[in-house]
Protein backbone atom coordinates (compact mmCIF):
# COMPACT_ATOMS: atom_id res chain seq x y z
CA MET A 1 -0.13 0.00 -0.11
CA ILE A 2 1.24 3.48 -0.93
CA ASN A 3 0.56 6.53 1.24
CA ILE A 4 0.62 9.97 -0.33
CA TYR A 5 0.81 12.54 2.41
CA GLY A 6 -0.05 16.41 1.09
CA ILE A 7 -2.54 18.79 0.39
CA LYS A 8 -5.17 18.44 -2.38
CA THR A 9 -4.55 21.71 -3.94
CA CYS A 10 -0.82 20.86 -4.48
CA SER A 11 -0.19 20.30 -8.15
CA THR A 12 2.77 17.68 -7.31
CA VAL A 13 0.42 15.93 -4.89
CA ARG A 14 -2.09 15.55 -7.82
CA LYS A 15 0.73 14.12 -10.12
CA ALA A 16 1.40 11.69 -7.51
CA ILE A 17 -2.18 10.53 -7.24
CA LYS A 18 -2.44 10.46 -10.88
CA PHE A 19 0.57 8.39 -11.58
CA CYS A 20 -0.74 5.93 -8.91
CA LYS A 21 -4.26 5.66 -10.66
CA ASP A 22 -2.56 5.48 -14.09
CA ASN A 23 -0.70 2.55 -12.98
CA ASP A 24 -3.38 0.90 -10.98
CA LEU A 25 -1.39 1.20 -7.89
CA GLU A 26 -3.34 0.80 -4.55
CA HIS A 27 -2.93 4.17 -2.61
CA THR A 28 -4.32 6.29 0.12
CA PHE A 29 -4.17 10.06 0.14
CA ILE A 30 -3.79 11.89 3.55
CA ASP A 31 -4.49 15.45 3.46
CA PHE A 32 -2.40 16.98 6.35
CA ARG A 33 -4.21 19.98 6.22
CA ALA A 34 -7.26 18.40 7.10
CA VAL A 35 -5.67 15.90 9.46
CA PRO A 36 -2.22 17.13 10.97
CA LEU A 37 0.40 14.34 11.12
CA GLU A 38 1.64 13.43 14.58
CA CYS A 39 5.14 14.27 15.31
CA GLU A 40 5.98 10.70 15.51
CA LYS A 41 5.03 10.30 11.85
CA VAL A 42 7.10 13.37 10.79
CA LYS A 43 10.31 11.93 12.83
CA TYR A 44 9.86 8.78 10.84
CA PHE A 45 10.00 10.33 7.43
CA ALA A 46 13.04 12.20 8.80
CA THR A 47 14.83 8.77 9.65
CA LYS A 48 14.12 7.62 5.81
CA VAL A 49 14.97 10.99 4.17
CA ASP A 50 17.29 13.74 4.79
CA ILE A 51 15.93 16.51 6.76
CA ASN A 52 17.10 19.12 4.08
CA ILE A 53 14.99 17.06 1.56
CA LEU A 54 11.73 16.99 3.66
CA PHE A 55 11.90 20.59 4.78
CA ASN A 56 10.57 23.06 2.39
CA ASN A 57 12.45 26.44 2.73
CA ARG A 58 10.88 27.76 -0.53
CA GLY A 59 7.35 27.78 0.19
CA THR A 60 5.06 30.51 1.38
CA LYS A 61 4.65 29.09 5.00
CA TYR A 62 8.25 29.19 5.40
CA LYS A 63 8.51 32.74 4.31
CA ASP A 64 5.52 33.98 6.42
CA LEU A 65 6.92 32.49 9.55
CA GLY A 66 10.23 34.40 9.06
CA LEU A 67 12.06 31.14 9.24
CA LYS A 68 15.07 32.05 7.23
CA GLU A 69 16.25 34.60 9.87
CA LEU A 70 16.40 31.68 12.47
CA ASN A 71 19.16 29.75 10.54
CA LEU A 72 17.60 26.50 11.81
CA ASP A 73 19.76 23.31 12.32
CA ASP A 74 18.31 20.02 11.77
CA ASN A 75 16.61 19.61 15.09
CA GLY A 76 15.10 22.95 14.61
CA LYS A 77 13.75 22.11 11.28
CA LEU A 78 12.44 18.72 12.76
CA GLU A 79 10.57 20.80 15.35
CA TRP A 80 9.05 23.22 12.95
CA LEU A 81 7.82 20.29 10.72
CA CYS A 82 6.19 18.74 13.60
CA LYS A 83 4.44 22.25 14.47
CA GLU A 84 3.72 23.09 10.94
CA ASN A 85 3.02 20.21 8.37
CA MET A 86 3.01 22.85 5.59
CA LEU A 87 6.68 23.19 5.69
CA LEU A 88 6.92 19.68 4.40
CA LYS A 89 7.89 19.42 0.88
CA ARG A 90 5.01 17.71 -1.16
CA PRO A 91 4.12 14.93 -1.68
CA VAL A 92 5.68 12.62 0.88
CA VAL A 93 5.33 9.11 -0.52
CA GLU A 94 5.34 6.13 2.04
CA TYR A 95 5.67 2.55 0.81
CA ASP A 96 7.37 -0.55 1.77
CA ASP A 97 9.17 1.03 4.77
CA LYS A 98 10.56 3.69 2.41
CA VAL A 99 9.95 7.44 1.77
CA LEU A 100 9.94 9.47 -1.24
CA VAL A 101 9.58 13.13 -1.29
CA SER A 102 8.25 15.44 -4.15
CA PHE A 103 7.12 14.17 -7.57
CA ASN A 104 9.50 12.87 -10.17
CA GLU A 105 8.09 10.42 -12.69
CA GLU A 106 11.39 8.49 -13.44
CA ILE A 107 11.90 8.00 -9.87
CA TYR A 108 8.31 6.80 -9.23
CA LYS A 109 8.49 4.50 -12.25
CA LYS A 110 11.84 2.85 -10.90
CA GLU A 111 10.68 2.70 -7.29
CA LEU A 112 6.93 1.94 -7.27
CA LEU A 113 6.49 -0.06 -10.52
CA LYS A 114 8.55 -2.94 -9.24
């Protein structure tokens, strides 16, 4: 089973969902705007993927919160990801005890179409 975490208005999340549908991959979409992720789930992602890949420092939320000025270290980034899921790069795709971040069709083909 593939879990896709993100928000429904995100174009890359929609691409990930479409990829799964087009390739008949069983998946579940979890909208973390509607149901925020627990910190344990975010920490789990951070054990699978580098925190700098997981942490979106280009998004509106990052800018609105003024986080650039804080020069966050990895622990600070993890703390903020737990408090504010909108700082996660989207989508976060969880499958077979692995995690992918963002949408890259070639990587999805290689990893999910085995």
